[in-house]
Amino acid sequence: MYNKWEVIKLRSIDKRGKLSEDPFSYQITKKRTVRIFFGGKEIKILKDAKAEQLIKKMEAVDYDDYDVQLLLAKVTGNFKHGNEKVHKSKY
């Protein structure tokens, strides 16, 4: 799916290095549904064709941690900009 130059291009997207911290996790269910988590909270569920497309892309990059993180970030869309405030808990 991805050739060598496309992988280099993908790696240049995360300039702040946030994806190296592995913020996303995922689960592929028996029904081939992909559940995507951020910080332990489920944020998106992919089904049918979109799930299969993501699984094929993850297989194409041999489930490389960084590349999978980038794919998950792209699937979640416009999720983090980097200017969010961190809310402090009162407890």
N, C-alpha and C. Protein backbone atom coordinates (compact mmCIF):
# COMPACT_ATOMS: atom_id res chain seq x y z
N MET A 1 0.82 -1.19 0.00
CA MET A 1 0.00 0.00 0.00
C MET A 1 0.86 1.26 0.00
N TYR A 2 1.79 1.36 0.98
CA TYR A 2 2.65 2.53 1.06
C TYR A 2 4.04 2.16 0.54
N ASN A 3 4.59 3.02 -0.30
CA ASN A 3 5.97 2.80 -0.68
C ASN A 3 6.89 3.58 0.26
N LYS A 4 8.19 3.47 0.05
CA LYS A 4 9.17 4.08 0.95
C LYS A 4 8.99 5.59 1.08
N TRP A 5 8.70 6.26 -0.01
CA TRP A 5 8.57 7.72 0.01
C TRP A 5 7.30 8.18 0.70
N GLU A 6 6.25 7.41 0.58
CA GLU A 6 5.00 7.77 1.27
C GLU A 6 5.17 7.65 2.78
N VAL A 7 5.93 6.64 3.23
CA VAL A 7 6.17 6.47 4.66
C VAL A 7 6.98 7.65 5.19
N ILE A 8 8.00 8.08 4.44
CA ILE A 8 8.80 9.24 4.85
C ILE A 8 7.92 10.48 4.94
N LYS A 9 7.02 10.65 3.97
CA LYS A 9 6.10 11.79 3.98
C LYS A 9 5.18 11.73 5.20
N LEU A 10 4.68 10.54 5.53
CA LEU A 10 3.80 10.40 6.68
C LEU A 10 4.53 10.75 7.97
N ARG A 11 5.77 10.34 8.09
CA ARG A 11 6.53 10.62 9.32
C ARG A 11 6.81 12.11 9.50
N SER A 12 6.83 12.87 8.41
CA SER A 12 7.10 14.30 8.54
C SER A 12 5.87 15.08 9.01
N ILE A 13 4.74 14.44 9.12
CA ILE A 13 3.51 15.11 9.54
C ILE A 13 3.55 15.45 11.03
N ASP A 14 4.05 14.54 11.85
CA ASP A 14 4.07 14.71 13.30
C ASP A 14 5.34 15.44 13.72
N LYS A 15 5.35 16.74 13.54
CA LYS A 15 6.56 17.52 13.79
C LYS A 15 6.85 17.70 15.28
N ARG A 16 5.82 17.66 16.12
CA ARG A 16 6.02 17.84 17.56
C ARG A 16 6.33 16.53 18.27
N GLY A 17 6.24 15.40 17.56
CA GLY A 17 6.58 14.11 18.14
C GLY A 17 5.58 13.56 19.13
N LYS A 18 4.35 14.00 19.06
CA LYS A 18 3.33 13.55 20.01
C LYS A 18 2.95 12.08 19.79
N LEU A 19 3.04 11.60 18.57
CA LEU A 19 2.63 10.23 18.30
C LEU A 19 3.64 9.21 18.80
N SER A 20 4.85 9.64 19.10
CA SER A 20 5.84 8.71 19.64
C SER A 20 5.49 8.31 21.07
N GLU A 21 4.59 9.05 21.70
CA GLU A 21 4.14 8.73 23.06
C GLU A 21 3.03 7.69 23.06
N ASP A 22 2.61 7.21 21.89
CA ASP A 22 1.53 6.22 21.73
C ASP A 22 0.24 6.64 22.43
N PRO A 23 -0.35 7.77 22.04
CA PRO A 23 -1.57 8.22 22.72
C PRO A 23 -2.80 7.40 22.35
N PHE A 24 -2.79 6.75 21.20
CA PHE A 24 -3.95 5.99 20.74
C PHE A 24 -3.74 4.50 20.98
N SER A 25 -4.84 3.82 21.24
CA SER A 25 -4.84 2.36 21.27
C SER A 25 -6.06 1.90 20.47
N TYR A 26 -6.06 0.64 20.12
CA TYR A 26 -7.17 0.15 19.30
C TYR A 26 -7.46 -1.30 19.62
N GLN A 27 -8.63 -1.73 19.21
CA GLN A 27 -9.05 -3.11 19.39
C GLN A 27 -9.78 -3.53 18.12
N ILE A 28 -9.40 -4.66 17.56
CA ILE A 28 -10.10 -5.22 16.40
C ILE A 28 -10.95 -6.36 16.92
N THR A 29 -12.25 -6.25 16.76
CA THR A 29 -13.17 -7.26 17.29
C THR A 29 -13.32 -8.43 16.32
N LYS A 30 -14.03 -9.45 16.75
CA LYS A 30 -14.27 -10.62 15.90
C LYS A 30 -15.05 -10.27 14.64
N LYS A 31 -15.89 -9.26 14.73
CA LYS A 31 -16.70 -8.83 13.59
C LYS A 31 -15.95 -7.85 12.69
N ARG A 32 -14.63 -7.71 12.94
CA ARG A 32 -13.76 -6.82 12.14
C ARG A 32 -14.17 -5.35 12.30
N THR A 33 -14.62 -5.01 13.49
CA THR A 33 -14.90 -3.63 13.85
C THR A 33 -13.66 -3.11 14.58
N VAL A 34 -13.28 -1.88 14.32
CA VAL A 34 -12.11 -1.29 14.97
C VAL A 34 -12.58 -0.25 15.98
N ARG A 35 -12.22 -0.46 17.23
CA ARG A 35 -12.52 0.49 18.29
C ARG A 35 -11.25 1.26 18.59
N ILE A 36 -11.32 2.59 18.57
CA ILE A 36 -10.15 3.44 18.78
C ILE A 36 -10.30 4.17 20.11
N PHE A 37 -9.22 4.14 20.91
CA PHE A 37 -9.21 4.74 22.23
C PHE A 37 -8.14 5.82 22.29
N PHE A 38 -8.40 6.85 23.08
CA PHE A 38 -7.43 7.90 23.36
C PHE A 38 -7.42 8.11 24.86
N GLY A 39 -6.30 7.85 25.49
CA GLY A 39 -6.21 8.00 26.94
C GLY A 39 -7.14 7.06 27.68
N GLY A 40 -7.38 5.89 27.13
CA GLY A 40 -8.24 4.90 27.76
C GLY A 40 -9.72 5.09 27.50
N LYS A 41 -10.09 6.15 26.80
CA LYS A 41 -11.50 6.41 26.50
C LYS A 41 -11.77 6.13 25.03
N GLU A 42 -12.87 5.44 24.78
CA GLU A 42 -13.24 5.14 23.39
C GLU A 42 -13.69 6.42 22.71
N ILE A 43 -13.09 6.71 21.55
CA ILE A 43 -13.43 7.94 20.85
C ILE A 43 -14.05 7.70 19.49
N LYS A 44 -13.85 6.50 18.93
CA LYS A 44 -14.40 6.25 17.60
C LYS A 44 -14.53 4.75 17.37
N ILE A 45 -15.56 4.39 16.61
CA ILE A 45 -15.77 3.01 16.19
C ILE A 45 -15.88 2.99 14.68
N LEU A 46 -15.09 2.14 14.05
CA LEU A 46 -15.15 1.99 12.59
C LEU A 46 -15.74 0.63 12.26
N LYS A 47 -16.67 0.62 11.31
CA LYS A 47 -17.31 -0.63 10.90
C LYS A 47 -17.21 -0.79 9.40
N ASP A 48 -17.47 -1.98 8.95
CA ASP A 48 -17.60 -2.32 7.53
C ASP A 48 -16.40 -1.89 6.70
N ALA A 49 -16.64 -1.15 5.63
CA ALA A 49 -15.58 -0.82 4.66
C ALA A 49 -14.50 0.06 5.27
N LYS A 50 -14.86 1.00 6.11
CA LYS A 50 -13.85 1.88 6.71
C LYS A 50 -12.93 1.10 7.65
N ALA A 51 -13.51 0.16 8.38
CA ALA A 51 -12.69 -0.66 9.27
C ALA A 51 -11.74 -1.55 8.46
N GLU A 52 -12.26 -2.15 7.42
CA GLU A 52 -11.41 -3.01 6.58
C GLU A 52 -10.29 -2.21 5.92
N GLN A 53 -10.59 -1.01 5.49
CA GLN A 53 -9.59 -0.15 4.87
C GLN A 53 -8.48 0.18 5.88
N LEU A 54 -8.84 0.51 7.11
CA LEU A 54 -7.85 0.81 8.13
C LEU A 54 -7.01 -0.41 8.46
N ILE A 55 -7.65 -1.57 8.58
CA ILE A 55 -6.92 -2.80 8.89
C ILE A 55 -5.91 -3.11 7.79
N LYS A 56 -6.31 -2.93 6.53
CA LYS A 56 -5.39 -3.17 5.42
C LYS A 56 -4.20 -2.21 5.46
N LYS A 57 -4.44 -0.96 5.82
CA LYS A 57 -3.35 0.01 5.92
C LYS A 57 -2.41 -0.35 7.07
N MET A 58 -2.97 -0.82 8.19
CA MET A 58 -2.13 -1.23 9.31
C MET A 58 -1.30 -2.46 8.94
N GLU A 59 -1.89 -3.37 8.18
CA GLU A 59 -1.13 -4.53 7.71
C GLU A 59 -0.03 -4.11 6.75
N ALA A 60 -0.29 -3.10 5.93
CA ALA A 60 0.70 -2.63 4.96
C ALA A 60 1.94 -2.05 5.63
N VAL A 61 1.78 -1.48 6.81
CA VAL A 61 2.92 -0.92 7.55
C VAL A 61 3.41 -1.91 8.61
N ASP A 62 2.99 -3.15 8.50
CA ASP A 62 3.40 -4.23 9.42
C ASP A 62 3.15 -3.88 10.88
N TYR A 63 2.08 -3.19 11.13
CA TYR A 63 1.67 -2.80 12.49
C TYR A 63 2.79 -2.06 13.23
N ASP A 64 3.60 -1.31 12.49
CA ASP A 64 4.64 -0.48 13.10
C ASP A 64 3.97 0.52 14.03
N ASP A 65 4.47 0.62 15.26
CA ASP A 65 3.81 1.45 16.28
C ASP A 65 3.58 2.88 15.83
N TYR A 66 4.63 3.52 15.34
CA TYR A 66 4.51 4.92 14.95
C TYR A 66 3.54 5.11 13.79
N ASP A 67 3.65 4.26 12.78
CA ASP A 67 2.78 4.38 11.61
C ASP A 67 1.33 4.10 11.96
N VAL A 68 1.09 3.14 12.84
CA VAL A 68 -0.28 2.86 13.28
C VAL A 68 -0.83 4.04 14.06
N GLN A 69 0.00 4.67 14.89
CA GLN A 69 -0.44 5.86 15.62
C GLN A 69 -0.85 6.97 14.66
N LEU A 70 -0.08 7.14 13.59
CA LEU A 70 -0.41 8.16 12.60
C LEU A 70 -1.71 7.82 11.88
N LEU A 71 -1.90 6.56 11.53
CA LEU A 71 -3.15 6.16 10.88
C LEU A 71 -4.35 6.39 11.79
N LEU A 72 -4.20 6.06 13.06
CA LEU A 72 -5.30 6.26 14.01
C LEU A 72 -5.59 7.74 14.20
N ALA A 73 -4.55 8.56 14.24
CA ALA A 73 -4.76 10.01 14.37
C ALA A 73 -5.49 10.56 13.15
N LYS A 74 -5.14 10.07 11.97
CA LYS A 74 -5.81 10.55 10.75
C LYS A 74 -7.27 10.10 10.71
N VAL A 75 -7.54 8.88 11.18
CA VAL A 75 -8.92 8.37 11.16
C VAL A 75 -9.80 9.16 12.12
N THR A 76 -9.24 9.58 13.24
CA THR A 76 -10.05 10.32 14.21
C THR A 76 -10.33 11.73 13.72
N GLY A 77 -9.64 12.16 12.69
CA GLY A 77 -9.93 13.46 12.10
C GLY A 77 -9.19 14.58 12.79
N ASN A 78 -9.83 15.69 12.88
CA ASN A 78 -9.23 16.90 13.44
C ASN A 78 -9.34 16.82 14.96
N PHE A 79 -8.53 15.95 15.57
CA PHE A 79 -8.74 15.61 16.97
C PHE A 79 -7.96 16.48 17.94
N LYS A 80 -6.68 16.66 17.72
CA LYS A 80 -5.86 17.46 18.63
C LYS A 80 -5.09 18.51 17.84
N HIS A 81 -5.10 19.72 18.32
CA HIS A 81 -4.38 20.81 17.67
C HIS A 81 -3.09 21.15 18.40
N GLY A 82 -3.01 20.86 19.69
CA GLY A 82 -1.83 21.19 20.47
C GLY A 82 -2.01 22.42 21.33
N ASN A 83 -3.13 23.10 21.18
CA ASN A 83 -3.35 24.31 21.97
C ASN A 83 -4.46 24.11 23.01
N GLU A 84 -4.80 22.86 23.31
CA GLU A 84 -5.83 22.60 24.29
C GLU A 84 -5.30 22.87 25.69
N LYS A 85 -6.17 23.32 26.57
CA LYS A 85 -5.79 23.54 27.95
C LYS A 85 -5.96 22.23 28.72
N VAL A 86 -5.07 22.01 29.64
CA VAL A 86 -5.16 20.82 30.49
C VAL A 86 -6.00 21.19 31.69
N HIS A 87 -7.11 20.49 31.87
CA HIS A 87 -8.01 20.78 32.99
C HIS A 87 -7.50 20.09 34.24
N LYS A 88 -7.44 20.85 35.31
CA LYS A 88 -6.97 20.29 36.58
C LYS A 88 -8.17 19.79 37.38
N SER A 89 -7.99 18.64 37.94
CA SER A 89 -9.03 18.05 38.77
C SER A 89 -9.03 18.70 40.15
N LYS A 90 -10.19 18.87 40.74
CA LYS A 90 -10.30 19.45 42.08
C LYS A 90 -9.97 18.44 43.15
N TYR A 91 -9.86 17.17 42.79
CA TYR A 91 -9.65 16.12 43.77
C TYR A 91 -8.23 15.71 43.87
